[in-house]
């Protein structure tokens, strides 16, 4: 089986599993805050001059980091045509492991908790 076909099969299987899990995992408990038209987390009747929380910027930077990770891993399927494709996959795996360890560190340190 070719390398690209294997990658496509893995991507399709993972996507299907995540799509199916998204139907069973969410808890549908609407409350006043979820039903309000403002979803930004700020009181719409309060002062407009309140500063943003630093946690907002931390989560935005983490989003950008993982968004750039996808851009770095996008050429991965074409790396199978190189002379040494295992080197390409080892570098990609190293990048994924490093980013996963960073995410776990932030999670354990409480950097992803929105409430202070």
PDB file of N, CA and C in Angstrom:
ATOM      1  N   UNK A   1       0.840  -1.162   0.000  1.00  0.00           N
ATOM      2  CA  UNK A   1       0.000   0.000   0.000  1.00  0.00           C
ATOM      3  C   UNK A   1       0.894   1.236   0.000  1.00  0.00           C
ATOM      4  N   UNK A   2       0.552   2.201  -0.823  1.00  0.00           N
ATOM      5  CA  UNK A   2       1.435   3.356  -0.923  1.00  0.00           C
ATOM      6  C   UNK A   2       1.319   4.233   0.321  1.00  0.00           C
ATOM      7  N   UNK A   3       2.311   5.030   0.499  1.00  0.00           N
ATOM      8  CA  UNK A   3       2.386   5.871   1.686  1.00  0.00           C
ATOM      9  C   UNK A   3       1.278   6.920   1.701  1.00  0.00           C
ATOM     10  N   UNK A   4       0.996   7.535   0.568  1.00  0.00           N
ATOM     11  CA  UNK A   4      -0.035   8.571   0.516  1.00  0.00           C
ATOM     12  C   UNK A   4      -1.409   7.963   0.755  1.00  0.00           C
ATOM     13  N   UNK A   5      -1.666   6.790   0.220  1.00  0.00           N
ATOM     14  CA  UNK A   5      -2.950   6.130   0.447  1.00  0.00           C
ATOM     15  C   UNK A   5      -3.123   5.788   1.930  1.00  0.00           C
ATOM     16  N   UNK A   6      -2.059   5.362   2.565  1.00  0.00           N
ATOM     17  CA  UNK A   6      -2.110   5.081   4.000  1.00  0.00           C
ATOM     18  C   UNK A   6      -2.414   6.346   4.791  1.00  0.00           C
ATOM     19  N   UNK A   7      -1.764   7.438   4.437  1.00  0.00           N
ATOM     20  CA  UNK A   7      -2.005   8.702   5.125  1.00  0.00           C
ATOM     21  C   UNK A   7      -3.452   9.157   4.938  1.00  0.00           C
ATOM     22  N   UNK A   8      -3.977   9.023   3.728  1.00  0.00           N
ATOM     23  CA  UNK A   8      -5.360   9.431   3.453  1.00  0.00           C
ATOM     24  C   UNK A   8      -6.324   8.568   4.262  1.00  0.00           C
ATOM     25  N   UNK A   9      -6.051   7.268   4.354  1.00  0.00           N
ATOM     26  CA  UNK A   9      -6.900   6.389   5.146  1.00  0.00           C
ATOM     27  C   UNK A   9      -6.878   6.775   6.628  1.00  0.00           C
ATOM     28  N   UNK A  10      -5.712   7.104   7.141  1.00  0.00           N
ATOM     29  CA  UNK A  10      -5.595   7.520   8.537  1.00  0.00           C
ATOM     30  C   UNK A  10      -6.362   8.815   8.758  1.00  0.00           C
ATOM     31  N   UNK A  11      -6.223   9.788   7.850  1.00  0.00           N
ATOM     32  CA  UNK A  11      -6.914  11.064   7.993  1.00  0.00           C
ATOM     33  C   UNK A  11      -8.422  10.888   7.934  1.00  0.00           C
ATOM     34  N   UNK A  12      -8.901  10.078   7.012  1.00  0.00           N
ATOM     35  CA  UNK A  12     -10.336   9.866   6.885  1.00  0.00           C
ATOM     36  C   UNK A  12     -10.907   9.141   8.102  1.00  0.00           C
ATOM     37  N   UNK A  13     -10.186   8.148   8.588  1.00  0.00           N
ATOM     38  CA  UNK A  13     -10.643   7.417   9.768  1.00  0.00           C
ATOM     39  C   UNK A  13     -10.679   8.319  10.991  1.00  0.00           C
ATOM     40  N   UNK A  14      -9.627   9.088  11.186  1.00  0.00           N
ATOM     41  CA  UNK A  14      -9.571  10.000  12.324  1.00  0.00           C
ATOM     42  C   UNK A  14     -10.666  11.058  12.228  1.00  0.00           C
ATOM     43  N   UNK A  15     -10.895  11.591  11.038  1.00  0.00           N
ATOM     44  CA  UNK A  15     -11.941  12.601  10.856  1.00  0.00           C
ATOM     45  C   UNK A  15     -13.317  12.015  11.136  1.00  0.00           C
ATOM     46  N   UNK A  16     -13.566  10.812  10.668  1.00  0.00           N
ATOM     47  CA  UNK A  16     -14.865  10.174  10.907  1.00  0.00           C
ATOM     48  C   UNK A  16     -15.069   9.896  12.396  1.00  0.00           C
ATOM     49  N   UNK A  17     -14.028   9.433  13.077  1.00  0.00           N
ATOM     50  CA  UNK A  17     -14.135   9.173  14.521  1.00  0.00           C
ATOM     51  C   UNK A  17     -14.409  10.453  15.303  1.00  0.00           C
ATOM     52  N   UNK A  18     -13.711  11.529  14.947  1.00  0.00           N
ATOM     53  CA  UNK A  18     -13.925  12.790  15.648  1.00  0.00           C
ATOM     54  C   UNK A  18     -15.303  13.369  15.355  1.00  0.00           C
ATOM     55  N   UNK A  19     -15.779  13.215  14.119  1.00  0.00           N
ATOM     56  CA  UNK A  19     -17.112  13.709  13.782  1.00  0.00           C
ATOM     57  C   UNK A  19     -18.185  12.926  14.532  1.00  0.00           C
ATOM     58  N   UNK A  20     -18.011  11.618  14.634  1.00  0.00           N
ATOM     59  CA  UNK A  20     -18.980  10.816  15.377  1.00  0.00           C
ATOM     60  C   UNK A  20     -18.933  11.118  16.878  1.00  0.00           C
ATOM     61  N   UNK A  21     -17.745  11.335  17.406  1.00  0.00           N
ATOM     62  CA  UNK A  21     -17.608  11.634  18.836  1.00  0.00           C
ATOM     63  C   UNK A  21     -18.222  12.984  19.180  1.00  0.00           C
ATOM     64  N   UNK A  22     -18.225  13.916  18.229  1.00  0.00           N
ATOM     65  CA  UNK A  22     -18.777  15.235  18.521  1.00  0.00           C
ATOM     66  C   UNK A  22     -20.286  15.211  18.693  1.00  0.00           C
ATOM     67  N   UNK A  23     -20.950  14.173  18.229  1.00  0.00           N
ATOM     68  CA  UNK A  23     -22.392  14.064  18.428  1.00  0.00           C
ATOM     69  C   UNK A  23     -22.734  13.498  19.807  1.00  0.00           C
ATOM     70  N   UNK A  24     -21.860  12.706  20.388  1.00  0.00           N
ATOM     71  CA  UNK A  24     -22.150  12.052  21.652  1.00  0.00           C
ATOM     72  C   UNK A  24     -21.558  12.761  22.861  1.00  0.00           C
ATOM     73  N   UNK A  25     -20.490  13.511  22.680  1.00  0.00           N
ATOM     74  CA  UNK A  25     -19.807  14.096  23.828  1.00  0.00           C
ATOM     75  C   UNK A  25     -20.419  15.376  24.398  1.00  0.00           C
ATOM     76  N   UNK A  26     -20.973  16.282  23.600  1.00  0.00           N
ATOM     77  CA  UNK A  26     -21.397  17.558  24.200  1.00  0.00           C
ATOM     78  C   UNK A  26     -22.591  17.385  25.136  1.00  0.00           C
ATOM     79  N   UNK A  27     -22.595  18.192  26.159  1.00  0.00           N
ATOM     80  CA  UNK A  27     -23.702  18.190  27.105  1.00  0.00           C
ATOM     81  C   UNK A  27     -24.607  19.361  26.754  1.00  0.00           C
ATOM     82  N   UNK A  28     -25.820  19.054  26.388  1.00  0.00           N
ATOM     83  CA  UNK A  28     -26.760  20.088  25.974  1.00  0.00           C
ATOM     84  C   UNK A  28     -27.533  20.606  27.189  1.00  0.00           C
ATOM     85  N   UNK A  29     -26.928  21.522  27.923  1.00  0.00           N
ATOM     86  CA  UNK A  29     -27.592  22.134  29.062  1.00  0.00           C
ATOM     87  C   UNK A  29     -27.562  23.649  28.864  1.00  0.00           C
ATOM     88  N   UNK A  30     -28.546  24.203  28.165  1.00  0.00           N
ATOM     89  CA  UNK A  30     -28.545  25.651  27.941  1.00  0.00           C
ATOM     90  C   UNK A  30     -28.840  26.409  29.232  1.00  0.00           C
ATOM     91  N   UNK A  31     -28.162  27.514  29.417  1.00  0.00           N
ATOM     92  CA  UNK A  31     -28.427  28.385  30.551  1.00  0.00           C
ATOM     93  C   UNK A  31     -28.520  29.824  30.042  1.00  0.00           C
ATOM     94  N   UNK A  32     -28.642  30.766  30.941  1.00  0.00           N
ATOM     95  CA  UNK A  32     -28.842  32.158  30.546  1.00  0.00           C
ATOM     96  C   UNK A  32     -27.659  32.689  29.734  1.00  0.00           C
ATOM     97  N   UNK A  33     -26.454  32.345  30.131  1.00  0.00           N
ATOM     98  CA  UNK A  33     -25.276  32.861  29.435  1.00  0.00           C
ATOM     99  C   UNK A  33     -25.137  32.276  28.038  1.00  0.00           C
ATOM    100  N   UNK A  34     -25.438  30.986  27.890  1.00  0.00           N
ATOM    101  CA  UNK A  34     -25.327  30.361  26.578  1.00  0.00           C
ATOM    102  C   UNK A  34     -26.399  30.867  25.615  1.00  0.00           C
ATOM    103  N   UNK A  35     -27.539  31.248  26.142  1.00  0.00           N
ATOM    104  CA  UNK A  35     -28.627  31.706  25.291  1.00  0.00           C
ATOM    105  C   UNK A  35     -28.551  33.199  24.982  1.00  0.00           C
ATOM    106  N   UNK A  36     -27.630  33.915  25.614  1.00  0.00           N
ATOM    107  CA  UNK A  36     -27.510  35.346  25.350  1.00  0.00           C
ATOM    108  C   UNK A  36     -26.842  35.566  23.993  1.00  0.00           C
ATOM    109  N   UNK A  37     -27.155  36.693  23.326  1.00  0.00           N
ATOM    110  CA  UNK A  37     -26.594  36.927  21.989  1.00  0.00           C
ATOM    111  C   UNK A  37     -25.118  37.293  21.998  1.00  0.00           C
ATOM    112  N   UNK A  38     -24.573  37.663  23.164  1.00  0.00           N
ATOM    113  CA  UNK A  38     -23.170  38.036  23.237  1.00  0.00           C
ATOM    114  C   UNK A  38     -22.369  36.852  23.742  1.00  0.00           C
ATOM    115  N   UNK A  39     -21.437  36.386  22.929  1.00  0.00           N
ATOM    116  CA  UNK A  39     -20.662  35.205  23.290  1.00  0.00           C
ATOM    117  C   UNK A  39     -19.194  35.533  23.528  1.00  0.00           C
ATOM    118  N   UNK A  40     -18.873  36.795  23.660  1.00  0.00           N
ATOM    119  CA  UNK A  40     -17.473  37.168  23.793  1.00  0.00           C
ATOM    120  C   UNK A  40     -16.978  37.091  25.229  1.00  0.00           C
ATOM    121  N   UNK A  41     -17.867  36.908  26.193  1.00  0.00           N
ATOM    122  CA  UNK A  41     -17.448  36.802  27.580  1.00  0.00           C
ATOM    123  C   UNK A  41     -17.464  38.105  28.334  1.00  0.00           C
ATOM    124  N   UNK A  42     -17.840  39.201  27.676  1.00  0.00           N
ATOM    125  CA  UNK A  42     -17.887  40.498  28.328  1.00  0.00           C
ATOM    126  C   UNK A  42     -19.339  40.913  28.536  1.00  0.00           C
ATOM    127  N   UNK A  43     -19.586  41.679  29.584  1.00  0.00           N
ATOM    128  CA  UNK A  43     -20.918  42.195  29.857  1.00  0.00           C
ATOM    129  C   UNK A  43     -21.241  43.277  28.836  1.00  0.00           C
ATOM    130  N   UNK A  44     -22.313  43.139  28.036  1.00  0.00           N
ATOM    131  CA  UNK A  44     -22.594  44.130  26.997  1.00  0.00           C
ATOM    132  C   UNK A  44     -23.069  45.460  27.568  1.00  0.00           C
ATOM    133  N   UNK A  45     -23.470  45.506  28.830  1.00  0.00           N
ATOM    134  CA  UNK A  45     -23.951  46.748  29.424  1.00  0.00           C
ATOM    135  C   UNK A  45     -22.888  47.441  30.264  1.00  0.00           C
ATOM    136  N   UNK A  46     -21.739  46.815  30.422  1.00  0.00           N
ATOM    137  CA  UNK A  46     -20.671  47.397  31.236  1.00  0.00           C
ATOM    138  C   UNK A  46     -19.847  48.400  30.454  1.00  0.00           C
ATOM    139  N   UNK A  47     -18.765  48.841  31.054  1.00  0.00           N
ATOM    140  CA  UNK A  47     -17.884  49.816  30.427  1.00  0.00           C
ATOM    141  C   UNK A  47     -17.136  49.175  29.250  1.00  0.00           C
ATOM    142  N   UNK A  48     -16.969  49.935  28.187  1.00  0.00           N
ATOM    143  CA  UNK A  48     -16.266  49.439  27.005  1.00  0.00           C
ATOM    144  C   UNK A  48     -14.760  49.604  27.138  1.00  0.00           C
ATOM    145  N   UNK A  49     -14.303  50.199  28.198  1.00  0.00           N
ATOM    146  CA  UNK A  49     -12.875  50.477  28.382  1.00  0.00           C
ATOM    147  C   UNK A  49     -12.169  49.458  29.262  1.00  0.00           C
ATOM    148  N   UNK A  50     -12.793  48.325  29.523  1.00  0.00           N
ATOM    149  CA  UNK A  50     -12.143  47.309  30.348  1.00  0.00           C
ATOM    150  C   UNK A  50     -11.032  46.632  29.551  1.00  0.00           C
ATOM    151  N   UNK A  51      -9.870  46.393  30.163  1.00  0.00           N
ATOM    152  CA  UNK A  51      -8.776  45.729  29.435  1.00  0.00           C
ATOM    153  C   UNK A  51      -9.063  44.237  29.259  1.00  0.00           C
ATOM    154  N   UNK A  52      -8.454  43.676  28.226  1.00  0.00           N
ATOM    155  CA  UNK A  52      -8.558  42.235  28.001  1.00  0.00           C
ATOM    156  C   UNK A  52      -7.726  41.499  29.037  1.00  0.00           C
ATOM    157  N   UNK A  53      -8.149  40.306  29.344  1.00  0.00           N
ATOM    158  CA  UNK A  53      -7.395  39.458  30.250  1.00  0.00           C
ATOM    159  C   UNK A  53      -6.158  38.926  29.527  1.00  0.00           C
ATOM    160  N   UNK A  54      -5.071  38.738  30.257  1.00  0.00           N
ATOM    161  CA  UNK A  54      -3.872  38.164  29.658  1.00  0.00           C
ATOM    162  C   UNK A  54      -4.105  36.722  29.225  1.00  0.00           C
ATOM    163  N   UNK A  55      -5.037  36.044  29.861  1.00  0.00           N
ATOM    164  CA  UNK A  55      -5.358  34.662  29.477  1.00  0.00           C
ATOM    165  C   UNK A  55      -5.955  34.625  28.072  1.00  0.00           C
ATOM    166  N   UNK A  56      -6.690  35.663  27.700  1.00  0.00           N
ATOM    167  CA  UNK A  56      -7.229  35.750  26.346  1.00  0.00           C
ATOM    168  C   UNK A  56      -6.080  35.748  25.335  1.00  0.00           C
ATOM    169  N   UNK A  57      -5.037  36.524  25.593  1.00  0.00           N
ATOM    170  CA  UNK A  57      -3.905  36.582  24.682  1.00  0.00           C
ATOM    171  C   UNK A  57      -3.129  35.263  24.666  1.00  0.00           C
ATOM    172  N   UNK A  58      -3.021  34.603  25.809  1.00  0.00           N
ATOM    173  CA  UNK A  58      -2.339  33.314  25.872  1.00  0.00           C
ATOM    174  C   UNK A  58      -3.058  32.281  25.009  1.00  0.00           C
ATOM    175  N   UNK A  59      -4.373  32.228  25.126  1.00  0.00           N
ATOM    176  CA  UNK A  59      -5.131  31.266  24.327  1.00  0.00           C
ATOM    177  C   UNK A  59      -5.064  31.630  22.857  1.00  0.00           C
ATOM    178  N   UNK A  60      -5.056  32.929  22.526  1.00  0.00           N
ATOM    179  CA  UNK A  60      -4.927  33.345  21.126  1.00  0.00           C
ATOM    180  C   UNK A  60      -3.566  32.939  20.561  1.00  0.00           C
ATOM    181  N   UNK A  61      -2.515  33.077  21.340  1.00  0.00           N
ATOM    182  CA  UNK A  61      -1.181  32.687  20.873  1.00  0.00           C
ATOM    183  C   UNK A  61      -1.098  31.173  20.704  1.00  0.00           C
ATOM    184  N   UNK A  62      -1.707  30.417  21.618  1.00  0.00           N
ATOM    185  CA  UNK A  62      -1.724  28.956  21.466  1.00  0.00           C
ATOM    186  C   UNK A  62      -2.488  28.544  20.213  1.00  0.00           C
ATOM    187  N   UNK A  63      -3.588  29.237  19.933  1.00  0.00           N
ATOM    188  CA  UNK A  63      -4.328  28.948  18.704  1.00  0.00           C
ATOM    189  C   UNK A  63      -3.457  29.203  17.481  1.00  0.00           C
ATOM    190  N   UNK A  64      -2.752  30.325  17.456  1.00  0.00           N
ATOM    191  CA  UNK A  64      -1.879  30.624  16.321  1.00  0.00           C
ATOM    192  C   UNK A  64      -0.753  29.607  16.195  1.00  0.00           C
ATOM    193  N   UNK A  65      -0.215  29.155  17.322  1.00  0.00           N
ATOM    194  CA  UNK A  65       0.852  28.166  17.301  1.00  0.00           C
ATOM    195  C   UNK A  65       0.380  26.870  16.656  1.00  0.00           C
ATOM    196  N   UNK A  66      -0.797  26.383  17.062  1.00  0.00           N
ATOM    197  CA  UNK A  66      -1.288  25.133  16.498  1.00  0.00           C
ATOM    198  C   UNK A  66      -1.809  25.320  15.082  1.00  0.00           C
ATOM    199  N   UNK A  67      -2.206  26.536  14.725  1.00  0.00           N
ATOM    200  CA  UNK A  67      -2.584  26.817  13.351  1.00  0.00           C
ATOM    201  C   UNK A  67      -1.353  26.772  12.442  1.00  0.00           C
ATOM    202  N   UNK A  68      -0.239  27.289  12.929  1.00  0.00           N
ATOM    203  CA  UNK A  68       1.005  27.233  12.153  1.00  0.00           C
ATOM    204  C   UNK A  68       1.553  25.813  12.089  1.00  0.00           C
ATOM    205  N   UNK A  69       1.253  25.010  13.100  1.00  0.00           N
ATOM    206  CA  UNK A  69       1.676  23.606  13.081  1.00  0.00           C
ATOM    207  C   UNK A  69       1.060  22.891  11.879  1.00  0.00           C
ATOM    208  N   UNK A  70      -0.185  23.182  11.599  1.00  0.00           N
ATOM    209  CA  UNK A  70      -0.844  22.562  10.444  1.00  0.00           C
ATOM    210  C   UNK A  70      -0.159  22.996   9.162  1.00  0.00           C
ATOM    211  N   UNK A  71       0.249  24.254   9.079  1.00  0.00           N
ATOM    212  CA  UNK A  71       0.943  24.724   7.885  1.00  0.00           C
ATOM    213  C   UNK A  71       2.306  24.039   7.734  1.00  0.00           C
ATOM    214  N   UNK A  72       2.952  23.730   8.861  1.00  0.00           N
ATOM    215  CA  UNK A  72       4.240  23.039   8.781  1.00  0.00           C
ATOM    216  C   UNK A  72       4.074  21.570   8.391  1.00  0.00           C
ATOM    217  N   UNK A  73       2.958  20.952   8.799  1.00  0.00           N
ATOM    218  CA  UNK A  73       2.751  19.538   8.505  1.00  0.00           C
ATOM    219  C   UNK A  73       2.041  19.305   7.179  1.00  0.00           C
ATOM    220  N   UNK A  74       1.594  20.361   6.517  1.00  0.00           N
ATOM    221  CA  UNK A  74       0.878  20.204   5.253  1.00  0.00           C
ATOM    222  C   UNK A  74       1.705  19.508   4.169  1.00  0.00           C
ATOM    223  N   UNK A  75       2.997  19.789   4.023  1.00  0.00           N
ATOM    224  CA  UNK A  75       3.768  19.078   2.986  1.00  0.00           C
ATOM    225  C   UNK A  75       4.175  17.658   3.370  1.00  0.00           C
ATOM    226  N   UNK A  76       3.728  17.156   4.505  1.00  0.00           N
ATOM    227  CA  UNK A  76       4.135  15.835   4.970  1.00  0.00           C
ATOM    228  C   UNK A  76       3.802  14.706   3.994  1.00  0.00           C
ATOM    229  N   UNK A  77       2.604  14.640   3.393  1.00  0.00           N
ATOM    230  CA  UNK A  77       2.349  13.525   2.463  1.00  0.00           C
ATOM    231  C   UNK A  77       3.279  13.507   1.251  1.00  0.00           C
ATOM    232  N   UNK A  78       3.735  14.668   0.835  1.00  0.00           N
ATOM    233  CA  UNK A  78       4.658  14.695  -0.300  1.00  0.00           C
ATOM    234  C   UNK A  78       6.076  14.320   0.109  1.00  0.00           C
ATOM    235  N   UNK A  79       6.323  14.222   1.408  1.00  0.00           N
ATOM    236  CA  UNK A  79       7.642  13.809   1.876  1.00  0.00           C
ATOM    237  C   UNK A  79       7.914  12.335   1.632  1.00  0.00           C
ATOM    238  N   UNK A  80       6.875  11.576   1.293  1.00  0.00           N
ATOM    239  CA  UNK A  80       7.059  10.157   1.003  1.00  0.00           C
ATOM    240  C   UNK A  80       7.785   9.897  -0.297  1.00  0.00           C
ATOM    241  N   UNK A  81       7.905  10.910  -1.131  1.00  0.00           N
ATOM    242  CA  UNK A  81       8.591  10.736  -2.413  1.00  0.00           C
ATOM    243  C   UNK A  81      10.069  11.110  -2.344  1.00  0.00           C
ATOM    244  N   UNK A  82      10.522  11.491  -1.179  1.00  0.00           N
ATOM    245  CA  UNK A  82      11.934  11.826  -1.022  1.00  0.00           C
ATOM    246  C   UNK A  82      12.769  10.553  -0.948  1.00  0.00           C
ATOM    247  N   UNK A  83      14.080  10.727  -0.959  1.00  0.00           N
ATOM    248  CA  UNK A  83      14.969   9.569  -0.906  1.00  0.00           C
ATOM    249  C   UNK A  83      14.872   8.849   0.437  1.00  0.00           C
ATOM    250  N   UNK A  84      14.658   9.613   1.510  1.00  0.00           N
ATOM    251  CA  UNK A  84      14.590   9.031   2.848  1.00  0.00           C
ATOM    252  C   UNK A  84      13.306   9.514   3.532  1.00  0.00           C
ATOM    253  N   UNK A  85      12.154   8.884   3.265  1.00  0.00           N
ATOM    254  CA  UNK A  85      10.903   9.375   3.853  1.00  0.00           C
ATOM    255  C   UNK A  85      10.808   9.192   5.361  1.00  0.00           C
ATOM    256  N   UNK A  86      11.571   8.264   5.913  1.00  0.00           N
ATOM    257  CA  UNK A  86      11.508   8.091   7.363  1.00  0.00           C
ATOM    258  C   UNK A  86      12.078   9.301   8.095  1.00  0.00           C
ATOM    259  N   UNK A  87      13.023   9.984   7.482  1.00  0.00           N
ATOM    260  CA  UNK A  87      13.572  11.199   8.083  1.00  0.00           C
ATOM    261  C   UNK A  87      12.487  12.281   8.156  1.00  0.00           C
ATOM    262  N   UNK A  88      11.677  12.389   7.104  1.00  0.00           N
ATOM    263  CA  UNK A  88      10.587  13.364   7.098  1.00  0.00           C
ATOM    264  C   UNK A  88       9.590  13.061   8.206  1.00  0.00           C
ATOM    265  N   UNK A  89       9.214  11.791   8.345  1.00  0.00           N
ATOM    266  CA  UNK A  89       8.256  11.415   9.376  1.00  0.00           C
ATOM    267  C   UNK A  89       8.843  11.540  10.772  1.00  0.00           C
ATOM    268  N   UNK A  90      10.132  11.327  10.915  1.00  0.00           N
ATOM    269  CA  UNK A  90      10.736  11.481  12.245  1.00  0.00           C
ATOM    270  C   UNK A  90      10.743  12.956  12.664  1.00  0.00           C
ATOM    271  N   UNK A  91      11.014  13.873  11.717  1.00  0.00           N
ATOM    272  CA  UNK A  91      10.978  15.296  12.050  1.00  0.00           C
ATOM    273  C   UNK A  91       9.549  15.741  12.346  1.00  0.00           C
ATOM    274  N   UNK A  92       8.597  15.242  11.577  1.00  0.00           N
ATOM    275  CA  UNK A  92       7.194  15.597  11.827  1.00  0.00           C
ATOM    276  C   UNK A  92       6.742  15.044  13.180  1.00  0.00           C
ATOM    277  N   UNK A  93       7.132  13.833  13.504  1.00  0.00           N
ATOM    278  CA  UNK A  93       6.774  13.249  14.796  1.00  0.00           C
ATOM    279  C   UNK A  93       7.423  14.022  15.934  1.00  0.00           C
ATOM    280  N   UNK A  94       8.658  14.444  15.745  1.00  0.00           N
ATOM    281  CA  UNK A  94       9.344  15.241  16.765  1.00  0.00           C
ATOM    282  C   UNK A  94       8.602  16.547  17.000  1.00  0.00           C
ATOM    283  N   UNK A  95       8.163  17.198  15.924  1.00  0.00           N
ATOM    284  CA  UNK A  95       7.416  18.445  16.042  1.00  0.00           C
ATOM    285  C   UNK A  95       6.093  18.226  16.770  1.00  0.00           C
ATOM    286  N   UNK A  96       5.384  17.169  16.412  1.00  0.00           N
ATOM    287  CA  UNK A  96       4.110  16.879  17.064  1.00  0.00           C
ATOM    288  C   UNK A  96       4.287  16.533  18.540  1.00  0.00           C
ATOM    289  N   UNK A  97       5.304  15.772  18.858  1.00  0.00           N
ATOM    290  CA  UNK A  97       5.563  15.406  20.255  1.00  0.00           C
ATOM    291  C   UNK A  97       5.932  16.640  21.068  1.00  0.00           C
ATOM    292  N   UNK A  98       6.759  17.512  20.511  1.00  0.00           N
ATOM    293  CA  UNK A  98       7.168  18.727  21.209  1.00  0.00           C
ATOM    294  C   UNK A  98       5.961  19.631  21.470  1.00  0.00           C
ATOM    295  N   UNK A  99       5.111  19.807  20.473  1.00  0.00           N
ATOM    296  CA  UNK A  99       3.933  20.645  20.660  1.00  0.00           C
ATOM    297  C   UNK A  99       2.932  20.014  21.620  1.00  0.00           C
ATOM    298  N   UNK A 100       2.803  18.700  21.583  1.00  0.00           N
ATOM    299  CA  UNK A 100       1.900  18.021  22.510  1.00  0.00           C
ATOM    300  C   UNK A 100       2.403  18.153  23.944  1.00  0.00           C
ATOM    301  N   UNK A 101       3.701  18.014  24.146  1.00  0.00           N
ATOM    302  CA  UNK A 101       4.264  18.196  25.491  1.00  0.00           C
ATOM    303  C   UNK A 101       4.065  19.627  25.984  1.00  0.00           C
ATOM    304  N   UNK A 102       4.199  20.609  25.078  1.00  0.00           N
ATOM    305  CA  UNK A 102       3.945  21.996  25.456  1.00  0.00           C
ATOM    306  C   UNK A 102       2.499  22.228  25.832  1.00  0.00           C
ATOM    307  N   UNK A 103       1.582  21.617  25.099  1.00  0.00           N
ATOM    308  CA  UNK A 103       0.159  21.748  25.418  1.00  0.00           C
ATOM    309  C   UNK A 103      -0.165  21.090  26.756  1.00  0.00           C
ATOM    310  N   UNK A 104       0.409  19.924  27.010  1.00  0.00           N
ATOM    311  CA  UNK A 104       0.187  19.245  28.292  1.00  0.00           C
ATOM    312  C   UNK A 104       0.743  20.093  29.436  1.00  0.00           C
ATOM    313  N   UNK A 105       1.894  20.709  29.233  1.00  0.00           N
ATOM    314  CA  UNK A 105       2.482  21.569  30.261  1.00  0.00           C
ATOM    315  C   UNK A 105       1.560  22.750  30.577  1.00  0.00           C
ATOM    316  N   UNK A 106       1.046  23.404  29.527  1.00  0.00           N
ATOM    317  CA  UNK A 106       0.134  24.528  29.740  1.00  0.00           C
ATOM    318  C   UNK A 106      -1.129  24.074  30.453  1.00  0.00           C
ATOM    319  N   UNK A 107      -1.619  22.900  30.109  1.00  0.00           N
ATOM    320  CA  UNK A 107      -2.836  22.378  30.712  1.00  0.00           C
ATOM    321  C   UNK A 107      -2.622  22.098  32.208  1.00  0.00           C
ATOM    322  N   UNK A 108      -1.479  21.465  32.525  1.00  0.00           N
ATOM    323  CA  UNK A 108      -1.188  21.130  33.922  1.00  0.00           C
ATOM    324  C   UNK A 108      -0.947  22.396  34.743  1.00  0.00           C
ATOM    325  N   UNK A 109      -0.319  23.398  34.168  1.00  0.00           N
ATOM    326  CA  UNK A 109      -0.036  24.630  34.879  1.00  0.00           C
ATOM    327  C   UNK A 109      -1.286  25.500  35.042  1.00  0.00           C
ATOM    328  N   UNK A 110      -2.382  25.143  34.366  1.00  0.00           N
ATOM    329  CA  UNK A 110      -3.614  25.912  34.472  1.00  0.00           C
ATOM    330  C   UNK A 110      -3.665  27.098  33.537  1.00  0.00           C
ATOM    331  N   UNK A 111      -2.831  27.107  32.516  1.00  0.00           N
ATOM    332  CA  UNK A 111      -2.811  28.217  31.569  1.00  0.00           C
ATOM    333  C   UNK A 111      -4.009  28.243  30.648  1.00  0.00           C
ATOM    334  N   UNK A 112      -4.723  27.162  30.539  1.00  0.00           N
ATOM    335  CA  UNK A 112      -5.894  27.116  29.662  1.00  0.00           C
ATOM    336  C   UNK A 112      -7.189  27.361  30.410  1.00  0.00           C
ATOM    337  N   UNK A 113      -7.128  27.536  31.727  1.00  0.00           N
ATOM    338  CA  UNK A 113      -8.326  27.822  32.512  1.00  0.00           C
ATOM    339  C   UNK A 113      -8.711  29.280  32.304  1.00  0.00           C
ATOM    340  N   UNK A 114      -9.947  29.496  31.913  1.00  0.00           N
ATOM    341  CA  UNK A 114     -10.364  30.860  31.625  1.00  0.00           C
ATOM    342  C   UNK A 114     -10.665  31.635  32.902  1.00  0.00           C
ATOM    343  N   UNK A 115     -11.308  31.015  33.882  1.00  0.00           N
ATOM    344  CA  UNK A 115     -11.649  31.694  35.129  1.00  0.00           C
ATOM    345  C   UNK A 115     -10.414  31.783  36.012  1.00  0.00           C
ATOM    346  N   UNK A 116     -10.294  32.899  36.680  1.00  0.00           N
ATOM    347  CA  UNK A 116      -9.123  33.096  37.547  1.00  0.00           C
ATOM    348  C   UNK A 116      -9.461  32.812  38.986  1.00  0.00           C
TER     349      UNK A 116
END
